[in-house]
Amino acid sequence: MENHIQDPFDEDNDGYIKVDRYNASKITSIANHYTEILSTIGEDPSREGLLKTPERVAKSLQYLTHGYDLDPAEILRSAMFKEDYSQMVVVKDIEVYSMCEHHMLPFFGKAHIAYIPNGHIVGLSKIPRVVDAFARRLQVQERLTNEIRDCIQETLNPAGVAVVIECQHLCMAMRGIQKQNSVTTTSAFTGGFASDKTRAEFLRLITAKLH
């Protein structure tokens, strides 16, 4: 059984609204495991401050991984339009929030994405939604970069796709090497962006302060 609060991908909504999607049986199962985890680390799950923590964590985890329930290609197909435009389209500074699959700690930052239309364009809001659909899963930044690139390339069939992602990883900042200011940058290109000139233009655009 699922309890849905408004879906941000529902075009009948007036705006982009945060959604919490809960599956009751999964909530119960996950919460039971977290009750055991709290006991194992030396806490008392029955004390006042922790009574509802397992359920809260279970709901949070379901939201943070709801990308498994989304079809990124379908998100793009829902707003594809024929258009005679063949210059670069850039959407930059897209917020990224994901979870490292190795330690299940967050990594976050920005994605910069461009494509060169080849007969079709896509509604601009769909690009950030594709980013979310892949980011809201257990991830590594390298795979996330490639998945976004491949989805746009295979669905829109543009003349080229460029993806650059810059993120900070809490698995490096809170534990392990404990370097708080390090940033990881990954990139992936197809088609026209294999050209040094086109790739340089893209990099110039995403670093330019136009506003």
Protein backbone atom coordinates (compact mmCIF):
# COMPACT_ATOMS: atom_id res chain seq x y z
CA MET A 1 0.00 0.00 0.00
CA GLU A 2 1.40 3.41 -0.92
CA ASN A 3 0.72 6.86 0.47
CA HIS A 4 1.37 9.54 -2.17
CA ILE A 5 1.78 13.25 -1.60
CA GLN A 6 1.67 15.32 -4.80
CA ASP A 7 3.99 14.09 -7.53
CA PRO A 8 6.47 16.76 -8.77
CA PHE A 9 6.40 15.14 -12.20
CA ASP A 10 2.62 15.58 -12.51
CA GLU A 11 2.03 18.23 -15.18
CA ASP A 12 -1.30 19.15 -13.55
CA ASN A 13 0.58 20.69 -10.65
CA ASP A 14 1.15 24.45 -10.66
CA GLY A 15 4.79 24.06 -9.66
CA TYR A 16 7.59 21.68 -8.84
CA ILE A 17 6.52 20.21 -5.52
CA LYS A 18 8.53 17.94 -3.25
CA VAL A 19 7.02 14.47 -3.07
CA ASP A 20 7.23 11.81 -0.38
CA ARG A 21 6.33 8.34 -1.64
CA TYR A 22 5.80 5.74 1.03
CA ASN A 23 5.17 2.03 0.73
CA ALA A 24 3.77 0.92 4.08
CA SER A 25 5.22 -2.60 4.03
CA LYS A 26 8.66 -1.34 3.07
CA ILE A 27 8.52 1.34 5.77
CA THR A 28 7.81 -1.30 8.40
CA SER A 29 10.56 -3.61 7.18
CA ILE A 30 13.20 -0.88 6.94
CA ALA A 31 12.20 0.62 10.30
CA ASN A 32 12.56 -2.76 12.02
CA HIS A 33 16.11 -3.05 10.73
CA TYR A 34 16.96 0.45 11.96
CA THR A 35 15.61 -0.35 15.41
CA GLU A 36 18.07 -3.23 15.53
CA ILE A 37 20.88 -1.02 14.21
CA LEU A 38 20.25 1.55 16.95
CA SER A 39 20.55 -1.16 19.58
CA THR A 40 23.70 -2.56 17.95
CA ILE A 41 25.54 0.78 18.05
CA GLY A 42 24.74 1.14 21.77
CA GLU A 43 21.63 3.32 21.68
CA ASP A 44 18.28 2.79 23.38
CA PRO A 45 15.57 2.76 20.66
CA SER A 46 12.89 3.13 23.33
CA ARG A 47 14.06 6.50 24.63
CA GLU A 48 11.90 9.49 23.73
CA GLY A 49 14.17 11.05 21.10
CA LEU A 50 14.50 7.80 19.15
CA LEU A 51 10.98 6.39 19.36
CA LYS A 52 10.05 7.51 15.83
CA THR A 53 13.56 7.59 14.37
CA PRO A 54 13.40 4.19 12.60
CA GLU A 55 10.18 5.20 10.79
CA ARG A 56 11.58 8.64 9.92
CA VAL A 57 14.76 7.11 8.52
CA ALA A 58 12.75 4.55 6.54
CA LYS A 59 10.63 7.30 4.96
CA SER A 60 13.71 9.41 4.28
CA LEU A 61 15.47 6.49 2.62
CA GLN A 62 12.49 5.80 0.39
CA TYR A 63 12.44 9.40 -0.76
CA LEU A 64 16.21 9.55 -1.30
CA THR A 65 16.04 6.46 -3.53
CA HIS A 66 12.75 7.08 -5.36
CA GLY A 67 14.64 7.32 -8.65
CA TYR A 68 14.31 3.55 -8.96
CA ASP A 69 10.60 4.13 -9.62
CA LEU A 70 11.20 6.66 -12.42
CA ASP A 71 11.89 6.14 -16.13
CA PRO A 72 14.32 8.88 -17.21
CA ALA A 73 13.81 8.18 -20.92
CA GLU A 74 10.05 8.52 -20.53
CA ILE A 75 10.57 11.86 -18.77
CA LEU A 76 12.36 13.10 -21.91
CA ARG A 77 9.86 11.56 -24.33
CA SER A 78 7.00 13.31 -22.54
CA ALA A 79 8.20 16.71 -23.82
CA MET A 80 10.02 16.20 -27.14
CA PHE A 81 9.25 18.68 -29.90
CA LYS A 82 10.28 18.92 -33.53
CA GLU A 83 12.32 22.06 -34.02
CA ASP A 84 14.76 23.30 -36.63
CA TYR A 85 17.46 24.38 -34.18
CA SER A 86 20.98 23.01 -34.33
CA GLN A 87 22.98 25.15 -31.89
CA MET A 88 24.09 24.11 -28.44
CA VAL A 89 21.48 24.05 -25.65
CA VAL A 90 23.03 24.35 -22.18
CA VAL A 91 21.39 23.83 -18.79
CA LYS A 92 23.92 24.54 -16.07
CA ASP A 93 24.09 24.64 -12.27
CA ILE A 94 21.56 21.82 -11.83
CA GLU A 95 21.57 20.82 -8.17
CA VAL A 96 22.57 17.20 -7.59
CA TYR A 97 21.83 15.21 -4.44
CA SER A 98 22.69 11.54 -4.36
CA MET A 99 24.00 8.79 -2.09
CA CYS A 100 27.28 6.97 -2.44
CA GLU A 101 26.64 3.24 -2.83
CA HIS A 102 29.83 2.34 -0.95
CA HIS A 103 29.02 4.00 2.38
CA MET A 104 25.45 5.26 1.85
CA LEU A 105 26.53 8.80 2.64
CA PRO A 106 25.43 11.80 0.56
CA PHE A 107 27.31 13.45 -2.24
CA PHE A 108 26.04 16.70 -3.68
CA GLY A 109 26.94 19.46 -6.10
CA LYS A 110 26.01 20.66 -9.57
CA ALA A 111 25.55 19.20 -13.04
CA HIS A 112 26.08 21.08 -16.29
CA ILE A 113 24.48 19.54 -19.37
CA ALA A 114 24.38 20.46 -23.04
CA TYR A 115 23.08 18.87 -26.21
CA ILE A 116 23.08 19.79 -29.89
CA PRO A 117 19.57 19.21 -31.31
CA ASN A 118 19.18 17.04 -34.38
CA GLY A 119 15.56 17.69 -35.33
CA HIS A 120 14.14 17.58 -31.79
CA ILE A 121 14.40 19.68 -28.66
CA VAL A 122 13.15 18.80 -25.18
CA GLY A 123 11.35 20.85 -22.53
CA LEU A 124 14.07 22.46 -20.43
CA SER A 125 12.66 21.25 -17.10
CA LYS A 126 13.07 17.65 -18.25
CA ILE A 127 16.87 17.84 -18.14
CA PRO A 128 17.01 18.48 -14.35
CA ARG A 129 14.33 15.83 -13.85
CA VAL A 130 16.47 13.26 -15.66
CA VAL A 131 19.35 14.22 -13.38
CA ASP A 132 17.12 13.63 -10.34
CA ALA A 133 15.82 10.32 -11.67
CA PHE A 134 19.34 8.90 -11.83
CA ALA A 135 20.72 10.73 -8.77
CA ARG A 136 17.96 9.50 -6.45
CA ARG A 137 19.47 6.02 -6.41
CA LEU A 138 22.56 4.52 -4.80
CA GLN A 139 25.27 5.82 -7.08
CA VAL A 140 28.86 6.53 -7.89
CA GLN A 141 29.49 9.86 -9.57
CA GLU A 142 31.22 8.28 -12.57
CA ARG A 143 28.23 6.08 -13.42
CA LEU A 144 25.77 8.89 -12.77
CA THR A 145 27.59 11.02 -15.34
CA ASN A 146 27.49 8.30 -17.98
CA GLU A 147 23.85 7.39 -17.32
CA ILE A 148 22.68 10.96 -17.85
CA ARG A 149 24.73 11.26 -21.05
CA ASP A 150 23.53 7.94 -22.46
CA CYS A 151 19.86 8.58 -21.66
CA ILE A 152 19.86 11.93 -23.46
CA GLN A 153 21.82 10.55 -26.41
CA GLU A 154 19.67 7.44 -26.87
CA THR A 155 16.32 9.19 -26.36
CA LEU A 156 16.78 12.49 -28.22
CA ASN A 157 19.37 11.26 -30.74
CA PRO A 158 21.08 14.68 -30.75
CA ALA A 159 24.25 15.56 -32.63
CA GLY A 160 26.11 15.48 -29.32
CA VAL A 161 25.75 15.47 -25.53
CA ALA A 162 28.02 16.93 -22.84
CA VAL A 163 27.75 16.29 -19.11
CA VAL A 164 29.99 17.70 -16.37
CA ILE A 165 29.27 17.01 -12.69
CA GLU A 166 31.05 18.61 -9.72
CA CYS A 167 30.34 17.15 -6.28
CA GLN A 168 31.50 17.00 -2.70
CA HIS A 169 31.36 13.56 -1.08
CA LEU A 170 30.64 13.18 2.62
CA CYS A 171 32.32 9.77 2.59
CA MET A 172 35.55 11.75 2.06
CA ALA A 173 34.66 14.68 4.35
CA MET A 174 33.11 12.92 7.38
CA ARG A 175 35.21 9.74 7.43
CA GLY A 176 38.24 8.21 5.74
CA ILE A 177 40.58 10.91 4.44
CA GLN A 178 38.44 13.68 6.06
CA LYS A 179 39.14 16.37 3.47
CA GLN A 180 36.24 18.81 3.68
CA ASN A 181 37.04 21.02 0.69
CA SER A 182 37.79 18.49 -2.03
CA VAL A 183 35.55 18.47 -5.12
CA THR A 184 35.26 15.62 -7.61
CA THR A 185 34.64 16.50 -11.26
CA THR A 186 33.50 13.98 -13.87
CA SER A 187 32.68 14.50 -17.53
CA ALA A 188 31.21 12.57 -20.45
CA PHE A 189 30.79 13.60 -24.09
CA THR A 190 29.34 12.24 -27.32
CA GLY A 191 29.16 13.31 -30.97
CA GLY A 192 29.95 16.94 -31.70
CA PHE A 193 31.46 17.47 -28.26
CA ALA A 194 34.39 15.26 -29.28
CA SER A 195 35.56 18.37 -31.16
CA ASP A 196 38.00 20.45 -29.13
CA LYS A 197 36.34 23.67 -30.33
CA THR A 198 32.79 22.62 -29.38
CA ARG A 199 33.87 21.19 -26.05
CA ALA A 200 35.80 24.40 -25.27
CA GLU A 201 32.70 26.48 -26.03
CA PHE A 202 30.64 24.33 -23.66
CA LEU A 203 33.22 24.66 -20.88
CA ARG A 204 33.36 28.41 -21.42
CA LEU A 205 29.58 28.70 -21.18
CA ILE A 206 29.28 26.71 -17.95
CA THR A 207 32.00 28.75 -16.26
CA ALA A 208 30.79 32.15 -17.50
CA LYS A 209 28.87 34.41 -15.11
CA LEU A 210 25.98 35.49 -17.33
CA HIS A 211 23.62 36.60 -14.58
